[in-house]
Amino acid sequence: MTIKSMLAALLLLTLGSVELRAQQNQTIFKGAGIRKSGGYGALSNKFTRINGTFANINEIYGGWYINRSFLLGVAGAATTNRLNVPAGNRIWDGEKMTYQYGQFGLMTEYVVGSTKKVHFAVNLVTGAGFILQYDRRDYDHWDEYDGQNPNFFFVMEPGAQVELNLTNWMRFSPGVSYRRAFGSDSKGLTDSDLSGVAANITFKFGRF
């Protein structure tokens, strides 16, 4: 083998080694972008307290699920049981006056280890909350608002869940959250009265 051929072989080996190392290097932007996306919806039942009284809240949310880790979507929730309005706080004299609490807004959720049978998720709802009064025995009074009803305010609710993959398209996700109201001006209710810890039972359906 001549010197020229030896140098050529050495050059080829060096270039091959450099190319191999370049393929193995991990860069900051490697794999950036959307590799897999889908979507899912969730039905949730929350158990909490509003103004010191037990409140049952039904929630629905869903959206675009990106890279099996991040959900970007919307959420809406409202109470389903009676929340008695004290006589001094009633905006009219109904027989069975109750508060109605609700909230809606942006839902973001981050899932850790989505492909594992049991994994974790954290989420955050940010948006508007509202509180109003009505007589559960007389829905005709829904339009009799006097400026105090309904009252809108800003709300944030971070939460965490344990997720169990029941099937390829359904997950069971019990968890807890903390609801925080800001700027409520409802008669007889403060931000603290509307804020509180909630436990939830959630089922998710979709393309994960």
Protein backbone atom coordinates (compact mmCIF):
# COMPACT_ATOMS: atom_id res chain seq x y z
CA MET A 1 0.00 0.00 0.00
CA THR A 2 1.42 3.37 -1.02
CA ILE A 3 1.59 6.39 1.25
CA LYS A 4 -1.06 8.12 -0.85
CA SER A 5 -3.49 5.25 -0.47
CA MET A 6 -2.79 5.05 3.27
CA LEU A 7 -3.53 8.76 3.67
CA ALA A 8 -6.75 8.39 1.68
CA ALA A 9 -7.87 5.48 3.87
CA LEU A 10 -7.03 7.41 7.04
CA LEU A 11 -9.01 10.41 5.76
CA LEU A 12 -12.04 8.23 5.06
CA LEU A 13 -11.87 6.69 8.54
CA THR A 14 -11.60 10.14 10.14
CA LEU A 15 -14.55 11.51 8.20
CA GLY A 16 -16.60 8.42 9.06
CA SER A 17 -15.79 8.82 12.75
CA VAL A 18 -16.72 12.50 12.70
CA GLU A 19 -20.01 11.71 10.95
CA LEU A 20 -20.81 8.97 13.51
CA ARG A 21 -20.12 11.29 16.43
CA ALA A 22 -22.24 13.99 14.80
CA GLN A 23 -25.14 11.55 14.57
CA GLN A 24 -24.80 10.67 18.26
CA ASN A 25 -24.57 14.25 19.49
CA GLN A 26 -27.62 15.52 21.41
CA THR A 27 -28.42 19.12 20.61
CA ILE A 28 -30.78 21.54 22.29
CA PHE A 29 -33.10 21.71 19.30
CA LYS A 30 -32.99 18.07 18.28
CA GLY A 31 -36.50 16.67 17.93
CA ALA A 32 -38.07 20.09 18.38
CA GLY A 33 -41.53 20.51 16.95
CA ILE A 34 -44.69 18.43 16.95
CA ARG A 35 -43.90 14.72 16.63
CA LYS A 36 -47.33 13.37 17.59
CA SER A 37 -50.61 15.05 18.36
CA GLY A 38 -54.14 14.05 19.18
CA GLY A 39 -56.88 15.27 21.43
CA TYR A 40 -59.12 14.28 24.30
CA GLY A 41 -62.06 15.42 26.37
CA ALA A 42 -62.60 14.97 30.10
CA LEU A 43 -65.62 14.68 32.38
CA SER A 44 -64.90 15.57 35.99
CA ASN A 45 -66.85 15.72 39.23
CA LYS A 46 -65.42 17.92 41.98
CA PHE A 47 -66.17 17.93 45.70
CA THR A 48 -65.43 21.23 47.43
CA ARG A 49 -66.88 23.94 49.70
CA ILE A 50 -68.23 27.38 48.83
CA ASN A 51 -69.02 29.81 51.64
CA GLY A 52 -68.49 26.96 54.12
CA THR A 53 -71.10 24.73 52.44
CA PHE A 54 -70.48 21.51 50.50
CA ALA A 55 -70.56 22.11 46.76
CA ASN A 56 -70.68 19.56 43.96
CA ILE A 57 -69.17 20.84 40.71
CA ASN A 58 -69.41 19.20 37.29
CA GLU A 59 -66.65 20.10 34.86
CA ILE A 60 -65.97 19.37 31.22
CA TYR A 61 -62.73 20.18 29.41
CA GLY A 62 -60.72 19.14 26.39
CA GLY A 63 -58.40 20.24 23.64
CA TRP A 64 -55.38 19.54 21.48
CA TYR A 65 -52.91 17.01 22.93
CA ILE A 66 -49.35 17.66 21.75
CA ASN A 67 -46.42 15.20 21.84
CA ARG A 68 -48.20 12.97 24.38
CA SER A 69 -47.43 15.49 27.07
CA PHE A 70 -49.21 18.84 26.73
CA LEU A 71 -52.91 19.69 26.43
CA LEU A 72 -54.05 23.10 25.24
CA GLY A 73 -57.79 23.54 25.50
CA VAL A 74 -60.80 25.04 27.24
CA ALA A 75 -62.81 24.15 30.36
CA GLY A 76 -66.17 24.94 31.88
CA ALA A 77 -67.70 24.01 35.25
CA ALA A 78 -70.72 24.76 37.43
CA THR A 79 -72.29 23.71 40.73
CA THR A 80 -75.18 21.23 40.69
CA ASN A 81 -76.47 21.24 44.29
CA ARG A 82 -78.25 23.86 46.38
CA LEU A 83 -76.04 26.43 48.12
CA ASN A 84 -78.38 28.23 50.50
CA VAL A 85 -78.34 32.04 50.39
CA PRO A 86 -78.68 33.57 53.89
CA ALA A 87 -81.75 35.81 54.25
CA GLY A 88 -79.61 38.94 54.66
CA ASN A 89 -77.81 38.33 51.34
CA ARG A 90 -80.80 37.55 49.12
CA ILE A 91 -81.43 39.81 46.15
CA TRP A 92 -85.12 38.89 46.23
CA ASP A 93 -87.38 36.96 48.57
CA GLY A 94 -87.49 33.50 46.98
CA GLU A 95 -88.61 30.37 48.80
CA LYS A 96 -85.51 28.30 47.97
CA MET A 97 -82.77 30.77 47.12
CA THR A 98 -79.44 29.26 46.09
CA TYR A 99 -76.08 30.43 44.81
CA GLN A 100 -74.99 29.23 41.38
CA TYR A 101 -71.21 29.11 40.93
CA GLY A 102 -69.50 28.59 37.60
CA GLN A 103 -66.19 29.11 35.83
CA PHE A 104 -64.78 28.84 32.31
CA GLY A 105 -61.51 29.57 30.55
CA LEU A 106 -58.20 28.22 29.29
CA MET A 107 -57.14 24.70 30.34
CA THR A 108 -53.49 23.63 30.15
CA GLU A 109 -52.37 20.19 31.27
CA TYR A 110 -48.94 18.56 31.35
CA VAL A 111 -48.71 14.75 31.50
CA VAL A 112 -45.56 12.98 32.76
CA GLY A 113 -44.92 9.49 31.35
CA SER A 114 -48.13 9.31 29.36
CA THR A 115 -47.44 5.84 27.91
CA LYS A 116 -47.00 4.21 31.33
CA LYS A 117 -49.94 2.40 32.93
CA VAL A 118 -49.83 4.72 35.96
CA HIS A 119 -48.44 8.23 35.68
CA PHE A 120 -49.04 11.82 36.77
CA ALA A 121 -50.52 15.01 35.35
CA VAL A 122 -50.66 18.63 36.46
CA ASN A 123 -53.09 21.20 35.10
CA LEU A 124 -54.17 24.81 35.38
CA VAL A 125 -57.46 26.56 34.63
CA THR A 126 -57.31 30.34 34.18
CA GLY A 127 -60.33 32.39 33.25
CA ALA A 128 -63.55 33.89 34.55
CA GLY A 129 -65.68 32.78 37.45
CA PHE A 130 -69.21 33.91 38.25
CA ILE A 131 -71.72 33.69 41.09
CA LEU A 132 -75.44 34.40 40.89
CA GLN A 133 -78.62 33.74 42.85
CA TYR A 134 -81.87 32.11 41.83
CA ASP A 135 -84.86 30.33 43.31
CA ARG A 136 -84.62 26.59 42.60
CA ARG A 137 -88.44 26.40 42.74
CA ASP A 138 -89.04 29.30 40.37
CA TYR A 139 -86.74 29.56 37.33
CA ASP A 140 -88.81 32.48 35.97
CA HIS A 141 -86.79 34.79 38.24
CA TRP A 142 -83.51 34.13 36.40
CA ASP A 143 -83.84 37.45 34.57
CA GLU A 144 -84.51 39.53 37.71
CA TYR A 145 -80.94 40.74 38.20
CA ASP A 146 -80.25 43.92 40.14
CA GLY A 147 -76.55 44.56 39.41
CA GLN A 148 -75.35 42.10 42.05
CA ASN A 149 -76.41 39.11 39.99
CA PRO A 150 -74.44 37.73 38.26
CA ASN A 151 -71.03 38.81 39.52
CA PHE A 152 -67.93 37.99 37.45
CA PHE A 153 -64.33 37.75 38.67
CA PHE A 154 -60.96 36.23 37.76
CA VAL A 155 -60.23 32.65 38.83
CA MET A 156 -57.21 30.32 38.79
CA GLU A 157 -57.25 26.64 39.66
CA PRO A 158 -54.02 24.59 39.63
CA GLY A 159 -54.34 20.84 40.19
CA ALA A 160 -52.60 17.47 40.12
CA GLN A 161 -53.83 14.00 39.16
CA VAL A 162 -52.78 10.36 39.19
CA GLU A 163 -53.65 8.82 35.82
CA LEU A 164 -54.46 5.18 35.07
CA ASN A 165 -54.57 4.03 31.44
CA LEU A 166 -57.68 1.85 31.37
CA THR A 167 -57.71 1.42 27.58
CA ASN A 168 -56.02 3.05 24.60
CA TRP A 169 -58.79 5.66 24.52
CA MET A 170 -59.88 6.04 28.17
CA ARG A 171 -58.10 7.14 31.35
CA PHE A 172 -59.16 7.41 34.99
CA SER A 173 -57.63 10.41 36.75
CA PRO A 174 -58.48 11.17 40.39
CA GLY A 175 -56.85 14.27 41.81
CA VAL A 176 -56.94 17.46 43.84
CA SER A 177 -56.96 21.15 42.98
CA TYR A 178 -57.08 24.55 44.62
CA ARG A 179 -59.51 27.19 43.33
CA ARG A 180 -58.63 30.85 43.94
CA ALA A 181 -60.98 33.74 43.18
CA PHE A 182 -59.82 37.33 42.64
CA GLY A 183 -62.03 40.42 42.61
CA SER A 184 -65.41 39.03 43.58
CA ASP A 185 -68.01 41.63 44.48
CA SER A 186 -71.01 39.41 45.16
CA LYS A 187 -73.32 40.35 48.02
CA GLY A 188 -72.19 38.54 51.18
CA LEU A 189 -69.38 36.58 49.51
CA THR A 190 -65.67 37.36 49.60
CA ASP A 191 -62.84 35.91 47.50
CA SER A 192 -62.02 33.59 50.40
CA ASP A 193 -65.61 32.32 50.51
CA LEU A 194 -65.36 31.34 46.84
CA SER A 195 -61.87 29.82 47.07
CA GLY A 196 -61.01 26.36 48.33
CA VAL A 197 -59.53 22.90 47.89
CA ALA A 198 -61.39 20.40 45.69
CA ALA A 199 -61.08 16.63 45.23
CA ASN A 200 -62.08 15.30 41.84
CA ILE A 201 -62.85 12.11 39.94
CA THR A 202 -62.09 12.47 36.24
CA PHE A 203 -62.49 10.28 33.15
CA LYS A 204 -60.68 11.21 29.93
CA PHE A 205 -61.64 10.00 26.45
CA GLY A 206 -59.78 10.50 23.21
CA ARG A 207 -56.66 9.96 21.15
CA PHE A 208 -53.70 9.84 23.48
